[in-house]
Amino acid sequence: MHTKTPLIVLYGGNSPEHDVSRSSALHVVKAIDLNRYETYLIAIDQDGSWYEFSHNISAEEQSNFQGTLPIEGTLIHPMEYFQSFKNSQPLVFPLLHGPNGEDGTIQGLIELSGVPYIGSKVLSSALCMDKIKCKELLSEYKIPQTNWTSVHRTNAHDADLSVLSPDVDLFVKPANMGSSIGVTKVTDRNDIEAALSHAAQYDEWLIVEEAIRGREIEVAVLENDRPSASVPGEITPGAEFYDYKDKYEDGATLHIPSVLSESETAEVQGLAVKVFNILRCRGLARVDFFYDDEAKIWFVNEINTMPGFTPISMFPKLWNASGMPYEDLIDTIIQNALIDSPME
């Protein structure tokens, strides 16, 4: 008799990206092959409490899920829960976005439990979440990026922006946040203090970047023995920039694959894999770029170690255009993790 692999899906989380996680998780769970994986759903509320919402879901439950997965169930202690799988070691799929999900904290907790999991490990997760430290490291490798500076929130009222050009638009962001939460585009320098104060609601460290007049291109990366890149996709924002509503309410226009020459495509795919390796990413990631058509320069914007998995998310769309449908993508991610971390 075939023994199914226990798969624990974590979703929700005490992060501003809580709702995005619940939506991503719903679509991933509906794509899981229940003939291969004994699937357990663990909800984390916005206060950080953990609940077992579903214990070894049935095909009927799977087909009936709609909207977002609920935050309810039996209250559990995470360490004790992971260790309760005595007969067959589980694999954890941490479908958590933002702080306390992608920043190395949950990865550290899972590692302390001695359980394998999908996605980047502690160091990589922390580096990719912290935009300042990520940029500093990529600068050491001469990876092109827009001009930027960091600001602590205690200096938001008199930030030193002297390293930035005085006549370009700026983006102000929390250093540790995703989904464009807390981001403001500044076209008038008189508005910079308000933008910094807004970003400071989400993090103590803030980043100010010069805006690039270029095309927004994204590349998805999957790793088995070695990382491989999807076809590039281009985003035309529906708003002034690619904000939260564009990402999750289908406001942007996506061009997949993007209109690039063979050499441009190969260059950005190679750069995506290079960045993936520099930052020691594992399993999967999405690398975001700006492309200056005139100068023919690729600028790395940011790296997402657990990208969204909603129907309009770029990561699954890019792999679908590369010949890997959604269900196959989810199974490939799980199988790659099992190969990387063999079950006992």
C-alpha atoms as a PDB file:
ATOM      1  CA  MET A   1       0.000   0.000   0.000  1.00  0.00           C
ATOM      2  CA  HIS A   2       1.342   3.421  -0.973  1.00  0.00           C
ATOM      3  CA  THR A   3       2.188   5.643   2.015  1.00  0.00           C
ATOM      4  CA  LYS A   4       1.228   9.263   1.523  1.00  0.00           C
ATOM      5  CA  THR A   5       3.604  12.046   2.527  1.00  0.00           C
ATOM      6  CA  PRO A   6       2.212  14.276   5.299  1.00  0.00           C
ATOM      7  CA  LEU A   7       2.103  17.869   4.014  1.00  0.00           C
ATOM      8  CA  ILE A   8       1.458  20.705   6.472  1.00  0.00           C
ATOM      9  CA  VAL A   9       0.270  23.954   4.870  1.00  0.00           C
ATOM     10  CA  LEU A  10       0.731  27.080   6.987  1.00  0.00           C
ATOM     11  CA  TYR A  11      -1.304  30.171   6.118  1.00  0.00           C
ATOM     12  CA  GLY A  12      -2.476  33.494   7.550  1.00  0.00           C
ATOM     13  CA  GLY A  13       0.122  34.824   9.962  1.00  0.00           C
ATOM     14  CA  ASN A  14       0.549  37.949  12.089  1.00  0.00           C
ATOM     15  CA  SER A  15       1.532  40.150   9.151  1.00  0.00           C
ATOM     16  CA  PRO A  16      -0.128  42.906   7.106  1.00  0.00           C
ATOM     17  CA  GLU A  17      -0.083  40.349   4.264  1.00  0.00           C
ATOM     18  CA  HIS A  18      -2.334  37.968   6.231  1.00  0.00           C
ATOM     19  CA  ASP A  19      -5.192  38.046   3.697  1.00  0.00           C
ATOM     20  CA  VAL A  20      -2.869  37.509   0.725  1.00  0.00           C
ATOM     21  CA  SER A  21      -1.532  34.383   2.417  1.00  0.00           C
ATOM     22  CA  ARG A  22      -5.032  33.002   2.957  1.00  0.00           C
ATOM     23  CA  SER A  23      -5.852  33.524  -0.713  1.00  0.00           C
ATOM     24  CA  SER A  24      -2.580  31.979  -1.928  1.00  0.00           C
ATOM     25  CA  ALA A  25      -3.084  28.995   0.351  1.00  0.00           C
ATOM     26  CA  LEU A  26      -6.601  28.322  -0.895  1.00  0.00           C
ATOM     27  CA  HIS A  27      -5.453  27.964  -4.494  1.00  0.00           C
ATOM     28  CA  VAL A  28      -2.412  25.884  -3.580  1.00  0.00           C
ATOM     29  CA  VAL A  29      -4.524  23.532  -1.450  1.00  0.00           C
ATOM     30  CA  LYS A  30      -7.047  23.044  -4.243  1.00  0.00           C
ATOM     31  CA  ALA A  31      -4.159  22.022  -6.547  1.00  0.00           C
ATOM     32  CA  ILE A  32      -2.552  19.488  -4.177  1.00  0.00           C
ATOM     33  CA  ASP A  33      -2.734  15.854  -5.285  1.00  0.00           C
ATOM     34  CA  LEU A  34      -4.438  14.187  -2.317  1.00  0.00           C
ATOM     35  CA  ASN A  35      -3.531  10.763  -3.697  1.00  0.00           C
ATOM     36  CA  ARG A  36       0.101  11.594  -2.928  1.00  0.00           C
ATOM     37  CA  TYR A  37      -0.061  13.961   0.026  1.00  0.00           C
ATOM     38  CA  GLU A  38      -1.894  13.655   3.336  1.00  0.00           C
ATOM     39  CA  THR A  39      -2.655  17.328   3.765  1.00  0.00           C
ATOM     40  CA  TYR A  40      -3.050  19.249   7.026  1.00  0.00           C
ATOM     41  CA  LEU A  41      -4.107  22.906   7.135  1.00  0.00           C
ATOM     42  CA  ILE A  42      -2.725  25.126   9.902  1.00  0.00           C
ATOM     43  CA  ALA A  43      -4.176  28.615  10.312  1.00  0.00           C
ATOM     44  CA  ILE A  44      -2.241  31.365  12.102  1.00  0.00           C
ATOM     45  CA  ASP A  45      -4.248  34.339  13.296  1.00  0.00           C
ATOM     46  CA  GLN A  46      -3.070  37.943  13.413  1.00  0.00           C
ATOM     47  CA  ASP A  47      -2.130  37.577  17.076  1.00  0.00           C
ATOM     48  CA  GLY A  48       0.152  34.636  16.260  1.00  0.00           C
ATOM     49  CA  SER A  49      -2.027  31.813  17.607  1.00  0.00           C
ATOM     50  CA  TRP A  50      -1.970  28.518  15.662  1.00  0.00           C
ATOM     51  CA  TYR A  51      -4.988  26.349  14.837  1.00  0.00           C
ATOM     52  CA  GLU A  52      -5.375  23.026  13.064  1.00  0.00           C
ATOM     53  CA  PHE A  53      -8.212  23.910  10.709  1.00  0.00           C
ATOM     54  CA  SER A  54      -8.266  20.596   8.856  1.00  0.00           C
ATOM     55  CA  HIS A  55      -6.756  17.209   9.703  1.00  0.00           C
ATOM     56  CA  ASN A  56      -5.964  15.173   6.559  1.00  0.00           C
ATOM     57  CA  ILE A  57      -8.402  16.935   4.224  1.00  0.00           C
ATOM     58  CA  SER A  58     -10.767  14.934   2.044  1.00  0.00           C
ATOM     59  CA  ALA A  59     -11.356  15.409  -1.679  1.00  0.00           C
ATOM     60  CA  GLU A  60     -14.823  16.740  -0.860  1.00  0.00           C
ATOM     61  CA  GLU A  61     -13.405  19.354   1.526  1.00  0.00           C
ATOM     62  CA  GLN A  62     -10.802  20.305  -1.067  1.00  0.00           C
ATOM     63  CA  SER A  63     -13.391  20.864  -3.799  1.00  0.00           C
ATOM     64  CA  ASN A  64     -15.640  22.910  -1.491  1.00  0.00           C
ATOM     65  CA  PHE A  65     -13.023  25.478  -0.446  1.00  0.00           C
ATOM     66  CA  GLN A  66     -13.800  28.945  -1.803  1.00  0.00           C
ATOM     67  CA  GLY A  67     -12.612  32.519  -1.332  1.00  0.00           C
ATOM     68  CA  THR A  68      -9.926  32.391   1.353  1.00  0.00           C
ATOM     69  CA  LEU A  69      -9.132  29.704   3.905  1.00  0.00           C
ATOM     70  CA  PRO A  70     -10.658  30.440   7.329  1.00  0.00           C
ATOM     71  CA  ILE A  71      -8.774  31.159  10.538  1.00  0.00           C
ATOM     72  CA  GLU A  72     -10.339  28.648  12.911  1.00  0.00           C
ATOM     73  CA  GLY A  73      -9.928  25.148  14.331  1.00  0.00           C
ATOM     74  CA  THR A  74      -8.287  23.429  17.283  1.00  0.00           C
ATOM     75  CA  LEU A  75      -5.690  25.531  19.100  1.00  0.00           C
ATOM     76  CA  ILE A  76      -2.245  23.909  18.845  1.00  0.00           C
ATOM     77  CA  HIS A  77       1.351  24.454  19.973  1.00  0.00           C
ATOM     78  CA  PRO A  78       3.543  24.465  16.832  1.00  0.00           C
ATOM     79  CA  MET A  79       6.564  22.596  18.234  1.00  0.00           C
ATOM     80  CA  GLU A  80       4.392  19.905  19.797  1.00  0.00           C
ATOM     81  CA  TYR A  81       2.316  19.641  16.639  1.00  0.00           C
ATOM     82  CA  PHE A  82       5.312  19.109  14.352  1.00  0.00           C
ATOM     83  CA  GLN A  83       6.695  16.482  16.714  1.00  0.00           C
ATOM     84  CA  SER A  84       3.373  14.623  16.842  1.00  0.00           C
ATOM     85  CA  PHE A  85       4.064  13.071  13.416  1.00  0.00           C
ATOM     86  CA  LYS A  86       5.880  10.049  14.804  1.00  0.00           C
ATOM     87  CA  ASN A  87       5.404   7.494  12.029  1.00  0.00           C
ATOM     88  CA  SER A  88       6.171   9.668   9.006  1.00  0.00           C
ATOM     89  CA  GLN A  89       8.041  12.957   8.981  1.00  0.00           C
ATOM     90  CA  PRO A  90       5.983  15.774   7.445  1.00  0.00           C
ATOM     91  CA  LEU A  91       6.966  18.448   4.950  1.00  0.00           C
ATOM     92  CA  VAL A  92       5.893  22.004   5.769  1.00  0.00           C
ATOM     93  CA  PHE A  93       4.705  24.425   3.079  1.00  0.00           C
ATOM     94  CA  PRO A  94       4.877  27.869   4.763  1.00  0.00           C
ATOM     95  CA  LEU A  95       2.549  29.902   2.535  1.00  0.00           C
ATOM     96  CA  LEU A  96       3.138  33.013   4.621  1.00  0.00           C
ATOM     97  CA  HIS A  97       3.937  36.428   3.199  1.00  0.00           C
ATOM     98  CA  GLY A  98       5.746  39.370   4.730  1.00  0.00           C
ATOM     99  CA  PRO A  99       7.128  39.746   8.289  1.00  0.00           C
ATOM    100  CA  ASN A 100       6.976  36.619  10.467  1.00  0.00           C
ATOM    101  CA  GLY A 101       6.496  34.572   7.308  1.00  0.00           C
ATOM    102  CA  GLU A 102       9.242  35.319   4.781  1.00  0.00           C
ATOM    103  CA  ASP A 103      11.828  36.955   7.025  1.00  0.00           C
ATOM    104  CA  GLY A 104      13.439  33.862   8.538  1.00  0.00           C
ATOM    105  CA  THR A 105      11.400  33.758  11.751  1.00  0.00           C
ATOM    106  CA  ILE A 106       9.022  30.936  10.812  1.00  0.00           C
ATOM    107  CA  GLN A 107      11.878  29.167   8.999  1.00  0.00           C
ATOM    108  CA  GLY A 108      13.895  29.196  12.234  1.00  0.00           C
ATOM    109  CA  LEU A 109      10.969  27.797  14.207  1.00  0.00           C
ATOM    110  CA  ILE A 110      10.488  24.954  11.725  1.00  0.00           C
ATOM    111  CA  GLU A 111      14.213  24.161  11.731  1.00  0.00           C
ATOM    112  CA  LEU A 112      14.229  23.988  15.527  1.00  0.00           C
ATOM    113  CA  SER A 113      11.451  21.406  15.196  1.00  0.00           C
ATOM    114  CA  GLY A 114      13.690  19.310  12.928  1.00  0.00           C
ATOM    115  CA  VAL A 115      11.105  19.250  10.146  1.00  0.00           C
ATOM    116  CA  PRO A 116      11.893  19.894   6.449  1.00  0.00           C
ATOM    117  CA  TYR A 117      10.115  22.742   4.701  1.00  0.00           C
ATOM    118  CA  ILE A 118       9.613  24.358   1.318  1.00  0.00           C
ATOM    119  CA  GLY A 119      11.438  27.556   0.402  1.00  0.00           C
ATOM    120  CA  SER A 120      14.503  29.507   1.388  1.00  0.00           C
ATOM    121  CA  LYS A 121      16.246  28.939   4.707  1.00  0.00           C
ATOM    122  CA  VAL A 122      16.719  31.409   7.566  1.00  0.00           C
ATOM    123  CA  LEU A 123      19.618  33.480   6.198  1.00  0.00           C
ATOM    124  CA  SER A 124      18.259  33.847   2.684  1.00  0.00           C
ATOM    125  CA  SER A 125      14.730  34.611   3.879  1.00  0.00           C
ATOM    126  CA  ALA A 126      15.996  37.348   6.198  1.00  0.00           C
ATOM    127  CA  LEU A 127      18.273  38.880   3.562  1.00  0.00           C
ATOM    128  CA  CYS A 128      15.644  38.967   0.834  1.00  0.00           C
ATOM    129  CA  MET A 129      13.008  40.458   3.160  1.00  0.00           C
ATOM    130  CA  ASP A 130      15.299  43.236   4.395  1.00  0.00           C
ATOM    131  CA  LYS A 131      15.623  45.465   1.325  1.00  0.00           C
ATOM    132  CA  ILE A 132      18.519  47.406   2.808  1.00  0.00           C
ATOM    133  CA  LYS A 133      20.718  44.407   3.602  1.00  0.00           C
ATOM    134  CA  CYS A 134      19.747  42.759   0.330  1.00  0.00           C
ATOM    135  CA  LYS A 135      20.834  45.829  -1.637  1.00  0.00           C
ATOM    136  CA  GLU A 136      24.056  46.084   0.305  1.00  0.00           C
ATOM    137  CA  LEU A 137      24.963  42.493  -0.503  1.00  0.00           C
ATOM    138  CA  LEU A 138      24.022  42.765  -4.186  1.00  0.00           C
ATOM    139  CA  SER A 139      26.134  45.933  -4.414  1.00  0.00           C
ATOM    140  CA  GLU A 140      29.170  43.927  -3.313  1.00  0.00           C
ATOM    141  CA  TYR A 141      28.591  41.694  -6.353  1.00  0.00           C
ATOM    142  CA  LYS A 142      28.214  44.725  -8.676  1.00  0.00           C
ATOM    143  CA  ILE A 143      24.586  43.908  -9.449  1.00  0.00           C
ATOM    144  CA  PRO A 144      22.975  47.017 -11.029  1.00  0.00           C
ATOM    145  CA  GLN A 145      20.371  48.707  -8.814  1.00  0.00           C
ATOM    146  CA  THR A 146      18.738  52.100  -8.678  1.00  0.00           C
ATOM    147  CA  ASN A 147      20.363  54.738  -6.472  1.00  0.00           C
ATOM    148  CA  TRP A 148      19.041  54.491  -2.907  1.00  0.00           C
ATOM    149  CA  THR A 149      19.589  55.355   0.735  1.00  0.00           C
ATOM    150  CA  SER A 150      18.335  54.080   4.078  1.00  0.00           C
ATOM    151  CA  VAL A 151      16.643  56.061   6.853  1.00  0.00           C
ATOM    152  CA  HIS A 152      15.807  55.105  10.443  1.00  0.00           C
ATOM    153  CA  ARG A 153      12.319  56.190  11.469  1.00  0.00           C
ATOM    154  CA  THR A 154      13.738  58.371  14.238  1.00  0.00           C
ATOM    155  CA  ASN A 155      15.265  60.508  11.451  1.00  0.00           C
ATOM    156  CA  ALA A 156      12.118  60.671   9.299  1.00  0.00           C
ATOM    157  CA  HIS A 157      11.664  64.401  10.013  1.00  0.00           C
ATOM    158  CA  ASP A 158      15.155  65.376   8.806  1.00  0.00           C
ATOM    159  CA  ALA A 159      16.361  62.514   6.583  1.00  0.00           C
ATOM    160  CA  ASP A 160      19.633  63.012   4.741  1.00  0.00           C
ATOM    161  CA  LEU A 161      18.862  62.379   1.051  1.00  0.00           C
ATOM    162  CA  SER A 162      21.997  64.073  -0.294  1.00  0.00           C
ATOM    163  CA  VAL A 163      23.144  60.926  -2.133  1.00  0.00           C
ATOM    164  CA  LEU A 164      19.983  61.017  -4.274  1.00  0.00           C
ATOM    165  CA  SER A 165      19.499  63.122  -7.362  1.00  0.00           C
ATOM    166  CA  PRO A 166      17.439  66.235  -6.534  1.00  0.00           C
ATOM    167  CA  ASP A 167      15.367  66.212  -9.722  1.00  0.00           C
ATOM    168  CA  VAL A 168      13.928  62.683  -9.906  1.00  0.00           C
ATOM    169  CA  ASP A 169      10.854  61.071  -8.385  1.00  0.00           C
ATOM    170  CA  LEU A 170      11.402  58.834  -5.372  1.00  0.00           C
ATOM    171  CA  PHE A 171       9.881  55.709  -3.874  1.00  0.00           C
ATOM    172  CA  VAL A 172       9.709  55.424  -0.091  1.00  0.00           C
ATOM    173  CA  LYS A 173       9.271  51.914   1.353  1.00  0.00           C
ATOM    174  CA  PRO A 174       9.450  50.022   4.634  1.00  0.00           C
ATOM    175  CA  ALA A 175      12.629  47.939   4.515  1.00  0.00           C
ATOM    176  CA  ASN A 176      10.841  44.767   5.657  1.00  0.00           C
ATOM    177  CA  MET A 177       7.503  44.492   3.905  1.00  0.00           C
ATOM    178  CA  GLY A 178       6.033  43.130   0.676  1.00  0.00           C
ATOM    179  CA  SER A 179       3.005  43.496  -1.605  1.00  0.00           C
ATOM    180  CA  SER A 180       3.763  47.248  -1.938  1.00  0.00           C
ATOM    181  CA  ILE A 181       2.357  47.826   1.569  1.00  0.00           C
ATOM    182  CA  GLY A 182       3.549  51.138   3.008  1.00  0.00           C
ATOM    183  CA  VAL A 183       5.017  52.304  -0.321  1.00  0.00           C
ATOM    184  CA  THR A 184       4.613  55.894  -1.540  1.00  0.00           C
ATOM    185  CA  LYS A 185       5.734  57.492  -4.795  1.00  0.00           C
ATOM    186  CA  VAL A 186       7.059  60.988  -4.080  1.00  0.00           C
ATOM    187  CA  THR A 187       6.942  63.527  -6.915  1.00  0.00           C
ATOM    188  CA  ASP A 188       7.309  66.589  -4.679  1.00  0.00           C
ATOM    189  CA  ARG A 189      10.158  66.635  -2.148  1.00  0.00           C
ATOM    190  CA  ASN A 190       7.891  68.547   0.247  1.00  0.00           C
ATOM    191  CA  ASP A 191       5.982  65.280   0.655  1.00  0.00           C
ATOM    192  CA  ILE A 192       8.982  63.183   1.674  1.00  0.00           C
ATOM    193  CA  GLU A 193       8.452  63.480   5.434  1.00  0.00           C
ATOM    194  CA  ALA A 194       4.831  62.301   5.140  1.00  0.00           C
ATOM    195  CA  ALA A 195       5.924  59.367   2.975  1.00  0.00           C
ATOM    196  CA  LEU A 196       8.600  58.380   5.493  1.00  0.00           C
ATOM    197  CA  SER A 197       6.112  58.644   8.359  1.00  0.00           C
ATOM    198  CA  HIS A 198       3.701  56.392   6.452  1.00  0.00           C
ATOM    199  CA  ALA A 199       6.390  53.758   5.796  1.00  0.00           C
ATOM    200  CA  ALA A 200       7.495  53.988   9.440  1.00  0.00           C
ATOM    201  CA  GLN A 201       4.123  52.556  10.490  1.00  0.00           C
ATOM    202  CA  TYR A 202       5.362  49.209   9.142  1.00  0.00           C
ATOM    203  CA  ASP A 203       9.079  49.107   9.979  1.00  0.00           C
ATOM    204  CA  GLU A 204      11.760  50.980  11.895  1.00  0.00           C
ATOM    205  CA  TRP A 205      14.077  50.996   8.863  1.00  0.00           C
ATOM    206  CA  LEU A 206      13.008  52.718   5.656  1.00  0.00           C
ATOM    207  CA  ILE A 207      14.441  52.855   2.175  1.00  0.00           C
ATOM    208  CA  VAL A 208      14.288  55.728  -0.314  1.00  0.00           C
ATOM    209  CA  GLU A 209      14.967  54.885  -3.962  1.00  0.00           C
ATOM    210  CA  GLU A 210      15.256  56.917  -7.121  1.00  0.00           C
ATOM    211  CA  ALA A 211      12.451  56.022  -9.517  1.00  0.00           C
ATOM    212  CA  ILE A 212      13.572  54.409 -12.775  1.00  0.00           C
ATOM    213  CA  ARG A 213      11.812  55.192 -16.029  1.00  0.00           C
ATOM    214  CA  GLY A 214      11.937  51.643 -17.299  1.00  0.00           C
ATOM    215  CA  ARG A 215       9.906  48.565 -17.995  1.00  0.00           C
ATOM    216  CA  GLU A 216       8.877  46.363 -15.059  1.00  0.00           C
ATOM    217  CA  ILE A 217       9.943  42.789 -15.780  1.00  0.00           C
ATOM    218  CA  GLU A 218       9.663  39.755 -13.500  1.00  0.00           C
ATOM    219  CA  VAL A 219      11.240  36.302 -13.705  1.00  0.00           C
ATOM    220  CA  ALA A 220      10.267  33.233 -11.688  1.00  0.00           C
ATOM    221  CA  VAL A 221      12.957  30.791 -10.529  1.00  0.00           C
ATOM    222  CA  LEU A 222      12.565  27.127  -9.561  1.00  0.00           C
ATOM    223  CA  GLU A 223      15.363  24.998  -8.159  1.00  0.00           C
ATOM    224  CA  ASN A 224      15.851  21.259  -8.404  1.00  0.00           C
ATOM    225  CA  ASP A 225      19.500  20.266  -8.746  1.00  0.00           C
ATOM    226  CA  ARG A 226      20.094  23.743 -10.106  1.00  0.00           C
ATOM    227  CA  PRO A 227      17.910  26.848 -10.502  1.00  0.00           C
ATOM    228  CA  SER A 228      16.083  27.489 -13.774  1.00  0.00           C
ATOM    229  CA  ALA A 229      14.292  30.631 -14.928  1.00  0.00           C
ATOM    230  CA  SER A 230      10.841  31.072 -16.444  1.00  0.00           C
ATOM    231  CA  VAL A 231      10.033  33.236 -19.419  1.00  0.00           C
ATOM    232  CA  PRO A 232      10.068  36.915 -18.370  1.00  0.00           C
ATOM    233  CA  GLY A 233       6.790  38.748 -17.881  1.00  0.00           C
ATOM    234  CA  GLU A 234       6.114  42.474 -18.059  1.00  0.00           C
ATOM    235  CA  ILE A 235       3.803  44.532 -15.878  1.00  0.00           C
ATOM    236  CA  THR A 236       2.010  47.687 -16.979  1.00  0.00           C
ATOM    237  CA  PRO A 237       0.604  49.151 -13.759  1.00  0.00           C
ATOM    238  CA  GLY A 238      -2.993  50.289 -13.696  1.00  0.00           C
ATOM    239  CA  ALA A 239      -2.126  52.845 -11.013  1.00  0.00           C
ATOM    240  CA  GLU A 240       0.802  55.233 -10.730  1.00  0.00           C
ATOM    241  CA  PHE A 241       2.920  52.247  -9.742  1.00  0.00           C
ATOM    242  CA  TYR A 242       2.414  48.486  -9.198  1.00  0.00           C
ATOM    243  CA  ASP A 243       0.596  48.773  -5.879  1.00  0.00           C
ATOM    244  CA  TYR A 244      -1.386  46.395  -3.657  1.00  0.00           C
ATOM    245  CA  LYS A 245      -4.629  46.801  -5.621  1.00  0.00           C
ATOM    246  CA  ASP A 246      -2.834  46.140  -8.911  1.00  0.00           C
ATOM    247  CA  LYS A 247      -1.264  42.976  -7.508  1.00  0.00           C
ATOM    248  CA  TYR A 248      -4.333  41.456  -5.913  1.00  0.00           C
ATOM    249  CA  GLU A 249      -7.353  43.071  -7.571  1.00  0.00           C
ATOM    250  CA  ASP A 250      -6.240  42.549 -11.169  1.00  0.00           C
ATOM    251  CA  GLY A 251      -5.639  46.228 -11.930  1.00  0.00           C
ATOM    252  CA  ALA A 252      -2.392  45.821 -13.858  1.00  0.00           C
ATOM    253  CA  THR A 253      -1.906  44.562 -17.395  1.00  0.00           C
ATOM    254  CA  LEU A 254       0.433  41.579 -17.667  1.00  0.00           C
ATOM    255  CA  HIS A 255       2.351  40.710 -20.828  1.00  0.00           C
ATOM    256  CA  ILE A 256       3.585  37.112 -20.636  1.00  0.00           C
ATOM    257  CA  PRO A 257       5.994  36.483 -22.174  1.00  0.00           C
ATOM    258  CA  SER A 258       7.317  40.025 -22.363  1.00  0.00           C
ATOM    259  CA  VAL A 259       8.415  41.416 -25.705  1.00  0.00           C
ATOM    260  CA  LEU A 260      12.186  41.060 -25.547  1.00  0.00           C
ATOM    261  CA  SER A 261      14.865  39.909 -27.934  1.00  0.00           C
ATOM    262  CA  GLU A 262      16.424  36.477 -27.456  1.00  0.00           C
ATOM    263  CA  SER A 263      19.566  38.065 -26.044  1.00  0.00           C
ATOM    264  CA  GLU A 264      17.602  40.316 -23.660  1.00  0.00           C
ATOM    265  CA  THR A 265      15.583  37.322 -22.459  1.00  0.00           C
ATOM    266  CA  ALA A 266      18.699  35.233 -21.901  1.00  0.00           C
ATOM    267  CA  GLU A 267      20.396  38.098 -20.067  1.00  0.00           C
ATOM    268  CA  VAL A 268      17.557  38.702 -17.597  1.00  0.00           C
ATOM    269  CA  GLN A 269      17.069  34.970 -17.011  1.00  0.00           C
ATOM    270  CA  GLY A 270      20.771  34.589 -16.287  1.00  0.00           C
ATOM    271  CA  LEU A 271      20.727  37.578 -13.946  1.00  0.00           C
ATOM    272  CA  ALA A 272      17.699  36.166 -12.087  1.00  0.00           C
ATOM    273  CA  VAL A 273      19.521  32.885 -11.483  1.00  0.00           C
ATOM    274  CA  LYS A 274      22.694  34.751 -10.463  1.00  0.00           C
ATOM    275  CA  VAL A 275      20.786  36.800  -7.878  1.00  0.00           C
ATOM    276  CA  PHE A 276      19.020  33.639  -6.659  1.00  0.00           C
ATOM    277  CA  ASN A 277      22.416  32.035  -6.051  1.00  0.00           C
ATOM    278  CA  ILE A 278      24.054  35.100  -4.481  1.00  0.00           C
ATOM    279  CA  LEU A 279      21.268  35.339  -1.918  1.00  0.00           C
ATOM    280  CA  ARG A 280      21.321  31.563  -1.306  1.00  0.00           C
ATOM    281  CA  CYS A 281      17.663  31.189  -2.177  1.00  0.00           C
ATOM    282  CA  ARG A 282      16.223  27.680  -2.154  1.00  0.00           C
ATOM    283  CA  GLY A 283      13.375  26.024  -3.976  1.00  0.00           C
ATOM    284  CA  LEU A 284      11.633  29.018  -5.510  1.00  0.00           C
ATOM    285  CA  ALA A 285      11.735  32.788  -5.798  1.00  0.00           C
ATOM    286  CA  ARG A 286      10.602  35.626  -8.009  1.00  0.00           C
ATOM    287  CA  VAL A 287      13.136  38.258  -9.077  1.00  0.00           C
ATOM    288  CA  ASP A 288      11.829  41.688 -10.094  1.00  0.00           C
ATOM    289  CA  PHE A 289      13.635  44.043 -12.464  1.00  0.00           C
ATOM    290  CA  PHE A 290      13.438  47.392 -14.175  1.00  0.00           C
ATOM    291  CA  TYR A 291      14.764  47.514 -17.731  1.00  0.00           C
ATOM    292  CA  ASP A 292      16.170  50.687 -19.235  1.00  0.00           C
ATOM    293  CA  ASP A 293      15.489  50.160 -22.950  1.00  0.00           C
ATOM    294  CA  GLU A 294      17.758  52.983 -24.047  1.00  0.00           C
ATOM    295  CA  ALA A 295      20.786  52.132 -21.923  1.00  0.00           C
ATOM    296  CA  LYS A 296      20.100  48.370 -22.203  1.00  0.00           C
ATOM    297  CA  ILE A 297      20.638  47.915 -18.453  1.00  0.00           C
ATOM    298  CA  TRP A 298      18.774  45.564 -16.122  1.00  0.00           C
ATOM    299  CA  PHE A 299      18.247  46.934 -12.598  1.00  0.00           C
ATOM    300  CA  VAL A 300      17.347  44.458  -9.859  1.00  0.00           C
ATOM    301  CA  ASN A 301      14.421  45.758  -7.833  1.00  0.00           C
ATOM    302  CA  GLU A 302      13.735  43.034  -5.248  1.00  0.00           C
ATOM    303  CA  ILE A 303      13.530  39.296  -4.594  1.00  0.00           C
ATOM    304  CA  ASN A 304      10.498  37.492  -3.194  1.00  0.00           C
ATOM    305  CA  THR A 305      11.217  34.101  -1.607  1.00  0.00           C
ATOM    306  CA  MET A 306       7.552  33.073  -1.206  1.00  0.00           C
ATOM    307  CA  PRO A 307       5.676  34.782  -4.041  1.00  0.00           C
ATOM    308  CA  GLY A 308       1.909  34.913  -4.287  1.00  0.00           C
ATOM    309  CA  PHE A 309       0.001  31.917  -5.642  1.00  0.00           C
ATOM    310  CA  THR A 310      -3.345  33.555  -6.404  1.00  0.00           C
ATOM    311  CA  PRO A 311      -4.777  33.106  -9.932  1.00  0.00           C
ATOM    312  CA  ILE A 312      -3.515  36.574 -10.918  1.00  0.00           C
ATOM    313  CA  SER A 313      -0.090  36.229  -9.268  1.00  0.00           C
ATOM    314  CA  MET A 314       2.910  36.520 -11.563  1.00  0.00           C
ATOM    315  CA  PHE A 315       4.816  33.486 -10.282  1.00  0.00           C
ATOM    316  CA  PRO A 316       2.300  30.810 -11.423  1.00  0.00           C
ATOM    317  CA  LYS A 317       1.463  32.792 -14.555  1.00  0.00           C
ATOM    318  CA  LEU A 318       5.127  32.902 -15.584  1.00  0.00           C
ATOM    319  CA  TRP A 319       5.542  29.138 -15.147  1.00  0.00           C
ATOM    320  CA  ASN A 320       2.276  28.445 -16.963  1.00  0.00           C
ATOM    321  CA  ALA A 321       3.617  30.427 -19.930  1.00  0.00           C
ATOM    322  CA  SER A 322       6.824  28.385 -19.632  1.00  0.00           C
ATOM    323  CA  GLY A 323       4.875  25.138 -20.067  1.00  0.00           C
ATOM    324  CA  MET A 324       4.134  24.231 -16.443  1.00  0.00           C
ATOM    325  CA  PRO A 325       0.417  24.422 -15.483  1.00  0.00           C
ATOM    326  CA  TYR A 326      -0.579  25.397 -11.938  1.00  0.00           C
ATOM    327  CA  GLU A 327      -1.157  21.857 -10.617  1.00  0.00           C
ATOM    328  CA  ASP A 328       2.157  20.665 -12.058  1.00  0.00           C
ATOM    329  CA  LEU A 329       3.911  23.688 -10.557  1.00  0.00           C
ATOM    330  CA  ILE A 330       2.650  22.913  -7.055  1.00  0.00           C
ATOM    331  CA  ASP A 331       3.615  19.253  -7.359  1.00  0.00           C
ATOM    332  CA  THR A 332       7.060  20.182  -8.704  1.00  0.00           C
ATOM    333  CA  ILE A 333       7.693  22.546  -5.774  1.00  0.00           C
ATOM    334  CA  ILE A 334       6.700  19.831  -3.287  1.00  0.00           C
ATOM    335  CA  GLN A 335       8.701  17.101  -5.014  1.00  0.00           C
ATOM    336  CA  ASN A 336      11.806  19.293  -5.296  1.00  0.00           C
ATOM    337  CA  ALA A 337      11.632  19.961  -1.559  1.00  0.00           C
ATOM    338  CA  LEU A 338      11.303  16.255  -0.802  1.00  0.00           C
ATOM    339  CA  ILE A 339      14.363  15.508  -2.931  1.00  0.00           C
ATOM    340  CA  ASP A 340      16.311  18.309  -1.218  1.00  0.00           C
ATOM    341  CA  SER A 341      15.218  17.108   2.234  1.00  0.00           C
ATOM    342  CA  PRO A 342      14.657  13.335   2.037  1.00  0.00           C
ATOM    343  CA  MET A 343      12.017  12.028   4.411  1.00  0.00           C
ATOM    344  CA  GLU A 344      13.156   9.766   7.221  1.00  0.00           C
END
